[in-house]
Amino acid sequence: MGAIQNKLEQPVTDELALVRAAKQGDDAAFEELVRRYDRNVFRIAQHITQNREDAEDVVQEAFLKA
């Protein structure tokens, strides 16, 4: 069980470091977060809105607020 826990902690730690850096104004960290999550956020937005253009607007707004 310890090996599984260690595998889960690394990505969370990496993401947490990116979030902290982005909050401090690190543009590269923010870009990496957008790169990692923009597709997933878009899929969810498109499922909710049922419209590609609206989904794109939702994604843009979400990342602007972030």
N, C-alpha and C. Protein backbone atom coordinates (compact mmCIF):
# COMPACT_ATOMS: atom_id res chain seq x y z
N MET A 1 0.82 -1.19 0.00
CA MET A 1 0.00 0.00 0.00
C MET A 1 0.87 1.25 0.00
N GLY A 2 2.02 1.21 0.60
CA GLY A 2 2.91 2.36 0.64
C GLY A 2 3.39 2.78 -0.73
N ALA A 3 3.63 1.83 -1.62
CA ALA A 3 4.09 2.15 -2.98
C ALA A 3 3.01 2.90 -3.74
N ILE A 4 1.77 2.50 -3.56
CA ILE A 4 0.66 3.20 -4.23
C ILE A 4 0.55 4.62 -3.69
N GLN A 5 0.64 4.78 -2.42
CA GLN A 5 0.55 6.12 -1.81
C GLN A 5 1.65 7.03 -2.34
N ASN A 6 2.87 6.53 -2.46
CA ASN A 6 3.97 7.34 -2.97
C ASN A 6 3.72 7.78 -4.41
N LYS A 7 3.16 6.90 -5.23
CA LYS A 7 2.86 7.25 -6.62
C LYS A 7 1.81 8.35 -6.68
N LEU A 8 0.87 8.36 -5.77
CA LEU A 8 -0.18 9.37 -5.77
C LEU A 8 0.33 10.70 -5.25
N GLU A 9 1.25 10.71 -4.33
CA GLU A 9 1.74 11.95 -3.74
C GLU A 9 2.56 12.77 -4.73
N GLN A 10 3.33 12.16 -5.60
CA GLN A 10 4.20 12.91 -6.51
C GLN A 10 3.41 13.84 -7.42
N PRO A 11 2.38 13.35 -8.15
CA PRO A 11 1.64 14.27 -9.02
C PRO A 11 0.94 15.37 -8.23
N VAL A 12 0.40 15.05 -7.07
CA VAL A 12 -0.27 16.06 -6.27
C VAL A 12 0.73 17.11 -5.83
N THR A 13 1.91 16.69 -5.41
CA THR A 13 2.95 17.62 -4.99
C THR A 13 3.38 18.50 -6.16
N ASP A 14 3.54 17.91 -7.34
CA ASP A 14 3.91 18.66 -8.54
C ASP A 14 2.84 19.69 -8.89
N GLU A 15 1.59 19.28 -8.86
CA GLU A 15 0.50 20.20 -9.17
C GLU A 15 0.38 21.30 -8.13
N LEU A 16 0.56 20.95 -6.89
CA LEU A 16 0.51 21.94 -5.82
C LEU A 16 1.62 22.98 -6.00
N ALA A 17 2.80 22.53 -6.38
CA ALA A 17 3.90 23.45 -6.63
C ALA A 17 3.57 24.38 -7.79
N LEU A 18 2.95 23.84 -8.84
CA LEU A 18 2.56 24.66 -9.98
C LEU A 18 1.50 25.69 -9.57
N VAL A 19 0.53 25.28 -8.80
CA VAL A 19 -0.52 26.20 -8.35
C VAL A 19 0.09 27.31 -7.50
N ARG A 20 0.95 26.94 -6.58
CA ARG A 20 1.58 27.96 -5.73
C ARG A 20 2.41 28.93 -6.55
N ALA A 21 3.17 28.41 -7.51
CA ALA A 21 3.99 29.28 -8.36
C ALA A 21 3.11 30.19 -9.20
N ALA A 22 2.04 29.65 -9.74
CA ALA A 22 1.13 30.46 -10.56
C ALA A 22 0.49 31.56 -9.72
N LYS A 23 0.13 31.25 -8.50
CA LYS A 23 -0.47 32.25 -7.61
C LYS A 23 0.51 33.38 -7.29
N GLN A 24 1.79 33.07 -7.37
CA GLN A 24 2.82 34.09 -7.11
C GLN A 24 3.23 34.82 -8.38
N GLY A 25 2.53 34.54 -9.49
CA GLY A 25 2.78 35.27 -10.72
C GLY A 25 3.67 34.59 -11.73
N ASP A 26 3.97 33.32 -11.55
CA ASP A 26 4.81 32.58 -12.48
C ASP A 26 3.98 32.20 -13.71
N ASP A 27 4.19 32.92 -14.81
CA ASP A 27 3.43 32.67 -16.03
C ASP A 27 3.66 31.28 -16.60
N ALA A 28 4.87 30.78 -16.50
CA ALA A 28 5.18 29.45 -17.03
C ALA A 28 4.40 28.37 -16.25
N ALA A 29 4.28 28.54 -14.96
CA ALA A 29 3.53 27.58 -14.14
C ALA A 29 2.05 27.62 -14.51
N PHE A 30 1.52 28.82 -14.70
CA PHE A 30 0.12 28.95 -15.10
C PHE A 30 -0.11 28.32 -16.47
N GLU A 31 0.80 28.57 -17.41
CA GLU A 31 0.69 27.98 -18.74
C GLU A 31 0.69 26.45 -18.67
N GLU A 32 1.52 25.90 -17.80
CA GLU A 32 1.56 24.44 -17.64
C GLU A 32 0.24 23.92 -17.10
N LEU A 33 -0.35 24.61 -16.14
CA LEU A 33 -1.65 24.19 -15.62
C LEU A 33 -2.72 24.25 -16.71
N VAL A 34 -2.71 25.31 -17.49
CA VAL A 34 -3.67 25.43 -18.59
C VAL A 34 -3.45 24.30 -19.58
N ARG A 35 -2.20 24.03 -19.93
CA ARG A 35 -1.88 22.96 -20.87
C ARG A 35 -2.41 21.61 -20.37
N ARG A 36 -2.27 21.37 -19.08
CA ARG A 36 -2.70 20.09 -18.51
C ARG A 36 -4.21 19.94 -18.45
N TYR A 37 -4.91 21.03 -18.23
CA TYR A 37 -6.34 20.92 -17.91
C TYR A 37 -7.29 21.53 -18.91
N ASP A 38 -6.81 22.23 -19.93
CA ASP A 38 -7.74 22.91 -20.82
C ASP A 38 -8.66 21.94 -21.57
N ARG A 39 -8.14 20.80 -22.00
CA ARG A 39 -8.98 19.82 -22.71
C ARG A 39 -10.09 19.28 -21.82
N ASN A 40 -9.75 18.93 -20.59
CA ASN A 40 -10.76 18.39 -19.68
C ASN A 40 -11.82 19.43 -19.35
N VAL A 41 -11.39 20.65 -19.10
CA VAL A 41 -12.33 21.72 -18.80
C VAL A 41 -13.23 21.95 -20.02
N PHE A 42 -12.64 21.95 -21.20
CA PHE A 42 -13.42 22.14 -22.42
C PHE A 42 -14.47 21.04 -22.58
N ARG A 43 -14.09 19.80 -22.36
CA ARG A 43 -15.05 18.68 -22.51
C ARG A 43 -16.22 18.84 -21.56
N ILE A 44 -15.93 19.22 -20.34
CA ILE A 44 -17.00 19.41 -19.36
C ILE A 44 -17.89 20.57 -19.78
N ALA A 45 -17.27 21.68 -20.19
CA ALA A 45 -18.05 22.85 -20.61
C ALA A 45 -18.90 22.54 -21.84
N GLN A 46 -18.36 21.79 -22.78
CA GLN A 46 -19.12 21.46 -23.98
C GLN A 46 -20.28 20.52 -23.65
N HIS A 47 -20.05 19.62 -22.72
CA HIS A 47 -21.13 18.72 -22.29
C HIS A 47 -22.26 19.53 -21.64
N ILE A 48 -21.91 20.52 -20.85
CA ILE A 48 -22.92 21.33 -20.17
C ILE A 48 -23.63 22.26 -21.14
N THR A 49 -22.86 22.95 -22.00
CA THR A 49 -23.45 23.96 -22.87
C THR A 49 -24.03 23.39 -24.16
N GLN A 50 -23.53 22.21 -24.57
CA GLN A 50 -23.93 21.60 -25.84
C GLN A 50 -23.65 22.51 -27.04
N ASN A 51 -22.63 23.37 -26.89
CA ASN A 51 -22.29 24.31 -27.96
C ASN A 51 -20.80 24.60 -27.89
N ARG A 52 -20.09 24.40 -28.99
CA ARG A 52 -18.63 24.55 -29.00
C ARG A 52 -18.20 25.97 -28.66
N GLU A 53 -18.83 26.96 -29.27
CA GLU A 53 -18.44 28.35 -29.05
C GLU A 53 -18.67 28.78 -27.60
N ASP A 54 -19.82 28.37 -27.06
CA ASP A 54 -20.10 28.68 -25.65
C ASP A 54 -19.10 27.99 -24.73
N ALA A 55 -18.76 26.76 -25.07
CA ALA A 55 -17.78 26.01 -24.26
C ALA A 55 -16.43 26.70 -24.28
N GLU A 56 -16.02 27.18 -25.45
CA GLU A 56 -14.75 27.89 -25.54
C GLU A 56 -14.77 29.15 -24.68
N ASP A 57 -15.89 29.88 -24.69
CA ASP A 57 -16.03 31.07 -23.84
C ASP A 57 -15.95 30.71 -22.37
N VAL A 58 -16.60 29.61 -22.00
CA VAL A 58 -16.59 29.17 -20.59
C VAL A 58 -15.17 28.84 -20.15
N VAL A 59 -14.44 28.13 -20.99
CA VAL A 59 -13.06 27.74 -20.65
C VAL A 59 -12.20 28.99 -20.49
N GLN A 60 -12.34 29.92 -21.42
CA GLN A 60 -11.55 31.15 -21.34
C GLN A 60 -11.87 31.91 -20.05
N GLU A 61 -13.14 32.04 -19.73
CA GLU A 61 -13.54 32.73 -18.51
C GLU A 61 -13.01 32.03 -17.26
N ALA A 62 -13.08 30.70 -17.29
CA ALA A 62 -12.60 29.93 -16.13
C ALA A 62 -11.12 30.17 -15.88
N PHE A 63 -10.33 30.13 -16.94
CA PHE A 63 -8.89 30.32 -16.75
C PHE A 63 -8.55 31.78 -16.45
N LEU A 64 -9.32 32.71 -16.97
CA LEU A 64 -9.10 34.12 -16.61
C LEU A 64 -9.35 34.34 -15.13
N LYS A 65 -10.41 33.72 -14.62
CA LYS A 65 -10.72 33.86 -13.19
C LYS A 65 -9.68 33.16 -12.32
N ALA A 66 -9.15 32.08 -12.85
CA ALA A 66 -8.13 31.34 -12.09
C ALA A 66 -6.88 32.19 -11.97
